[in-house]
């Protein structure tokens, strides 16, 4: 046991784990900005292996899956991002947008109420959300507002 500890101690100095080497986020983001989605997806996933609580990597994966039109993976990654960082405005906005695309307006309305509580930098998006919800309300009540003879 004594020799095992000595070897383990020595190996930590010979092969130090450099957290910068294990953070692939910057390179993945660069590739994402260059629209090299497959390469960036691989690096975001690799970053998650070493940094499983990095909510931003999950958010960028959701963006990639949106481009790839994979709604299931997009939603899974948005929800994971929000689970890790419940105050992530961008992730919340993307989840609201996803629910609006699905015509799940009651869920979008509830999420909008949560978004109001956390918005700081993206509060201008509230107007867009409200306009989409109002448009739905108008179409929902439209057939019933026509007077019948």
C-alpha atoms as a PDB file:
ATOM      1  CA  UNK A   1       0.000   0.000   0.000  1.00  0.00           C
ATOM      2  CA  UNK A   2       2.875   2.317   0.844  1.00  0.00           C
ATOM      3  CA  UNK A   3       4.462   1.787  -2.590  1.00  0.00           C
ATOM      4  CA  UNK A   4       1.128   2.318  -4.317  1.00  0.00           C
ATOM      5  CA  UNK A   5       0.756   5.720  -2.652  1.00  0.00           C
ATOM      6  CA  UNK A   6       4.314   6.693  -3.577  1.00  0.00           C
ATOM      7  CA  UNK A   7       3.727   5.726  -7.210  1.00  0.00           C
ATOM      8  CA  UNK A   8       0.392   7.536  -7.295  1.00  0.00           C
ATOM      9  CA  UNK A   9       1.972  10.639  -5.752  1.00  0.00           C
ATOM     10  CA  UNK A  10       4.838  10.546  -8.274  1.00  0.00           C
ATOM     11  CA  UNK A  11       2.467  10.136 -11.210  1.00  0.00           C
ATOM     12  CA  UNK A  12       0.505  13.216 -10.209  1.00  0.00           C
ATOM     13  CA  UNK A  13       3.675  15.274 -10.618  1.00  0.00           C
ATOM     14  CA  UNK A  14       4.771  13.527 -13.817  1.00  0.00           C
ATOM     15  CA  UNK A  15       1.333  13.729 -15.468  1.00  0.00           C
ATOM     16  CA  UNK A  16      -0.414  16.704 -13.896  1.00  0.00           C
ATOM     17  CA  UNK A  17      -4.004  17.199 -14.932  1.00  0.00           C
ATOM     18  CA  UNK A  18      -4.234  20.621 -16.466  1.00  0.00           C
ATOM     19  CA  UNK A  19      -7.794  21.903 -16.338  1.00  0.00           C
ATOM     20  CA  UNK A  20      -7.096  24.105 -19.373  1.00  0.00           C
ATOM     21  CA  UNK A  21      -6.278  20.997 -21.397  1.00  0.00           C
ATOM     22  CA  UNK A  22      -9.582  19.464 -20.356  1.00  0.00           C
ATOM     23  CA  UNK A  23     -11.665  22.493 -21.284  1.00  0.00           C
ATOM     24  CA  UNK A  24     -12.657  22.248 -24.929  1.00  0.00           C
ATOM     25  CA  UNK A  25     -15.307  24.965 -24.760  1.00  0.00           C
ATOM     26  CA  UNK A  26     -13.327  27.793 -26.381  1.00  0.00           C
ATOM     27  CA  UNK A  27     -12.339  25.738 -29.402  1.00  0.00           C
ATOM     28  CA  UNK A  28     -15.861  24.312 -29.704  1.00  0.00           C
ATOM     29  CA  UNK A  29     -17.361  27.818 -29.583  1.00  0.00           C
ATOM     30  CA  UNK A  30     -14.923  28.994 -32.251  1.00  0.00           C
ATOM     31  CA  UNK A  31     -15.938  26.120 -34.526  1.00  0.00           C
ATOM     32  CA  UNK A  32     -19.609  26.797 -33.807  1.00  0.00           C
ATOM     33  CA  UNK A  33     -19.176  30.451 -34.821  1.00  0.00           C
ATOM     34  CA  UNK A  34     -17.573  29.218 -38.047  1.00  0.00           C
ATOM     35  CA  UNK A  35     -20.658  27.015 -38.593  1.00  0.00           C
ATOM     36  CA  UNK A  36     -18.593  23.828 -38.361  1.00  0.00           C
ATOM     37  CA  UNK A  37     -21.326  22.145 -36.389  1.00  0.00           C
ATOM     38  CA  UNK A  38     -20.162  18.518 -36.464  1.00  0.00           C
ATOM     39  CA  UNK A  39     -16.685  19.417 -35.199  1.00  0.00           C
ATOM     40  CA  UNK A  40     -18.022  21.783 -32.563  1.00  0.00           C
ATOM     41  CA  UNK A  41     -20.610  19.221 -31.440  1.00  0.00           C
ATOM     42  CA  UNK A  42     -17.827  16.697 -30.860  1.00  0.00           C
ATOM     43  CA  UNK A  43     -15.816  19.192 -28.786  1.00  0.00           C
ATOM     44  CA  UNK A  44     -18.839  20.340 -26.750  1.00  0.00           C
ATOM     45  CA  UNK A  45     -19.608  16.699 -25.967  1.00  0.00           C
ATOM     46  CA  UNK A  46     -15.973  16.128 -25.078  1.00  0.00           C
ATOM     47  CA  UNK A  47     -16.034  19.183 -22.830  1.00  0.00           C
ATOM     48  CA  UNK A  48     -19.071  17.761 -21.035  1.00  0.00           C
ATOM     49  CA  UNK A  49     -17.147  14.556 -20.312  1.00  0.00           C
ATOM     50  CA  UNK A  50     -14.563  16.583 -18.374  1.00  0.00           C
ATOM     51  CA  UNK A  51     -16.915  19.341 -17.184  1.00  0.00           C
ATOM     52  CA  UNK A  52     -20.326  17.701 -16.757  1.00  0.00           C
ATOM     53  CA  UNK A  53     -21.822  20.767 -15.063  1.00  0.00           C
ATOM     54  CA  UNK A  54     -20.995  23.168 -17.893  1.00  0.00           C
ATOM     55  CA  UNK A  55     -24.471  24.400 -18.778  1.00  0.00           C
ATOM     56  CA  UNK A  56     -23.172  26.481 -21.698  1.00  0.00           C
ATOM     57  CA  UNK A  57     -21.923  23.372 -23.521  1.00  0.00           C
ATOM     58  CA  UNK A  58     -25.406  21.874 -23.275  1.00  0.00           C
ATOM     59  CA  UNK A  59     -26.907  25.118 -24.555  1.00  0.00           C
ATOM     60  CA  UNK A  60     -24.622  25.147 -27.588  1.00  0.00           C
ATOM     61  CA  UNK A  61     -25.421  21.499 -28.259  1.00  0.00           C
ATOM     62  CA  UNK A  62     -29.101  22.491 -28.231  1.00  0.00           C
ATOM     63  CA  UNK A  63     -28.349  25.187 -30.809  1.00  0.00           C
ATOM     64  CA  UNK A  64     -26.564  22.658 -32.998  1.00  0.00           C
ATOM     65  CA  UNK A  65     -29.459  20.220 -32.733  1.00  0.00           C
ATOM     66  CA  UNK A  66     -31.822  23.055 -33.667  1.00  0.00           C
ATOM     67  CA  UNK A  67     -29.832  23.591 -36.862  1.00  0.00           C
ATOM     68  CA  UNK A  68     -29.907  19.828 -37.466  1.00  0.00           C
ATOM     69  CA  UNK A  69     -33.675  19.865 -36.774  1.00  0.00           C
ATOM     70  CA  UNK A  70     -33.383  17.216 -34.060  1.00  0.00           C
ATOM     71  CA  UNK A  71     -36.086  18.501 -31.691  1.00  0.00           C
ATOM     72  CA  UNK A  72     -35.690  15.661 -29.189  1.00  0.00           C
ATOM     73  CA  UNK A  73     -31.962  16.295 -28.647  1.00  0.00           C
ATOM     74  CA  UNK A  74     -32.494  20.046 -28.756  1.00  0.00           C
ATOM     75  CA  UNK A  75     -35.051  19.868 -25.945  1.00  0.00           C
ATOM     76  CA  UNK A  76     -32.964  17.427 -23.897  1.00  0.00           C
ATOM     77  CA  UNK A  77     -29.947  19.730 -23.991  1.00  0.00           C
ATOM     78  CA  UNK A  78     -31.970  22.872 -23.252  1.00  0.00           C
ATOM     79  CA  UNK A  79     -33.526  21.215 -20.222  1.00  0.00           C
ATOM     80  CA  UNK A  80     -30.139  19.957 -19.022  1.00  0.00           C
ATOM     81  CA  UNK A  81     -28.715  23.461 -19.369  1.00  0.00           C
ATOM     82  CA  UNK A  82     -31.608  24.846 -17.306  1.00  0.00           C
ATOM     83  CA  UNK A  83     -31.276  22.095 -14.746  1.00  0.00           C
ATOM     84  CA  UNK A  84     -27.633  23.072 -14.205  1.00  0.00           C
ATOM     85  CA  UNK A  85     -28.309  26.801 -14.390  1.00  0.00           C
ATOM     86  CA  UNK A  86     -31.981  27.663 -13.748  1.00  0.00           C
ATOM     87  CA  UNK A  87     -31.277  31.366 -14.319  1.00  0.00           C
ATOM     88  CA  UNK A  88     -29.879  30.879 -17.821  1.00  0.00           C
ATOM     89  CA  UNK A  89     -31.960  33.375 -19.767  1.00  0.00           C
ATOM     90  CA  UNK A  90     -30.930  32.153 -23.182  1.00  0.00           C
ATOM     91  CA  UNK A  91     -31.806  28.537 -22.386  1.00  0.00           C
ATOM     92  CA  UNK A  92     -35.173  29.625 -20.976  1.00  0.00           C
ATOM     93  CA  UNK A  93     -35.860  31.695 -24.092  1.00  0.00           C
ATOM     94  CA  UNK A  94     -35.003  28.729 -26.336  1.00  0.00           C
ATOM     95  CA  UNK A  95     -37.334  26.474 -24.341  1.00  0.00           C
ATOM     96  CA  UNK A  96     -40.154  29.018 -24.666  1.00  0.00           C
ATOM     97  CA  UNK A  97     -39.467  29.248 -28.395  1.00  0.00           C
ATOM     98  CA  UNK A  98     -39.567  25.459 -28.674  1.00  0.00           C
ATOM     99  CA  UNK A  99     -42.913  25.317 -26.870  1.00  0.00           C
ATOM    100  CA  UNK A 100     -44.321  28.069 -29.105  1.00  0.00           C
ATOM    101  CA  UNK A 101     -43.212  26.138 -32.201  1.00  0.00           C
ATOM    102  CA  UNK A 102     -45.092  23.125 -30.839  1.00  0.00           C
ATOM    103  CA  UNK A 103     -48.165  25.301 -30.234  1.00  0.00           C
ATOM    104  CA  UNK A 104     -47.956  24.459 -26.542  1.00  0.00           C
ATOM    105  CA  UNK A 105     -49.090  27.938 -25.578  1.00  0.00           C
ATOM    106  CA  UNK A 106     -50.114  27.195 -22.003  1.00  0.00           C
ATOM    107  CA  UNK A 107     -46.620  25.837 -21.264  1.00  0.00           C
ATOM    108  CA  UNK A 108     -45.016  28.799 -23.076  1.00  0.00           C
ATOM    109  CA  UNK A 109     -47.112  31.202 -21.020  1.00  0.00           C
ATOM    110  CA  UNK A 110     -45.983  29.552 -17.762  1.00  0.00           C
ATOM    111  CA  UNK A 111     -42.340  29.618 -18.892  1.00  0.00           C
ATOM    112  CA  UNK A 112     -42.719  33.304 -19.823  1.00  0.00           C
ATOM    113  CA  UNK A 113     -43.727  34.012 -16.225  1.00  0.00           C
ATOM    114  CA  UNK A 114     -40.549  32.265 -15.052  1.00  0.00           C
ATOM    115  CA  UNK A 115     -38.526  34.161 -17.666  1.00  0.00           C
ATOM    116  CA  UNK A 116     -39.790  37.494 -16.284  1.00  0.00           C
ATOM    117  CA  UNK A 117     -38.327  36.558 -12.899  1.00  0.00           C
ATOM    118  CA  UNK A 118     -34.842  35.781 -14.248  1.00  0.00           C
ATOM    119  CA  UNK A 119     -34.446  38.132 -17.203  1.00  0.00           C
ATOM    120  CA  UNK A 120     -31.584  40.554 -16.923  1.00  0.00           C
ATOM    121  CA  UNK A 121     -29.853  40.864 -20.280  1.00  0.00           C
ATOM    122  CA  UNK A 122     -32.548  39.437 -22.542  1.00  0.00           C
ATOM    123  CA  UNK A 123     -35.644  41.234 -21.253  1.00  0.00           C
ATOM    124  CA  UNK A 124     -36.253  42.697 -24.719  1.00  0.00           C
ATOM    125  CA  UNK A 125     -37.230  39.151 -25.808  1.00  0.00           C
ATOM    126  CA  UNK A 126     -40.333  39.411 -23.612  1.00  0.00           C
ATOM    127  CA  UNK A 127     -42.034  41.582 -26.220  1.00  0.00           C
ATOM    128  CA  UNK A 128     -41.475  38.949 -28.896  1.00  0.00           C
ATOM    129  CA  UNK A 129     -42.852  36.203 -26.649  1.00  0.00           C
ATOM    130  CA  UNK A 130     -45.877  38.305 -25.703  1.00  0.00           C
ATOM    131  CA  UNK A 131     -46.595  39.129 -29.361  1.00  0.00           C
ATOM    132  CA  UNK A 132     -46.521  35.452 -30.314  1.00  0.00           C
ATOM    133  CA  UNK A 133     -48.816  34.561 -27.418  1.00  0.00           C
ATOM    134  CA  UNK A 134     -51.226  37.403 -28.325  1.00  0.00           C
ATOM    135  CA  UNK A 135     -51.267  36.245 -31.945  1.00  0.00           C
ATOM    136  CA  UNK A 136     -52.278  32.815 -30.716  1.00  0.00           C
ATOM    137  CA  UNK A 137     -55.017  34.279 -28.518  1.00  0.00           C
ATOM    138  CA  UNK A 138     -56.431  36.180 -31.497  1.00  0.00           C
ATOM    139  CA  UNK A 139     -56.491  33.101 -33.717  1.00  0.00           C
ATOM    140  CA  UNK A 140     -57.941  31.009 -30.923  1.00  0.00           C
ATOM    141  CA  UNK A 141     -60.905  33.332 -30.405  1.00  0.00           C
ATOM    142  CA  UNK A 142     -61.354  34.358 -34.054  1.00  0.00           C
ATOM    143  CA  UNK A 143     -63.988  31.793 -35.131  1.00  0.00           C
ATOM    144  CA  UNK A 144     -66.082  32.616 -32.080  1.00  0.00           C
ATOM    145  CA  UNK A 145     -66.087  36.356 -32.581  1.00  0.00           C
ATOM    146  CA  UNK A 146     -67.995  36.229 -35.864  1.00  0.00           C
ATOM    147  CA  UNK A 147     -71.616  37.175 -35.441  1.00  0.00           C
ATOM    148  CA  UNK A 148     -73.990  34.549 -36.735  1.00  0.00           C
ATOM    149  CA  UNK A 149     -77.374  35.409 -38.234  1.00  0.00           C
END
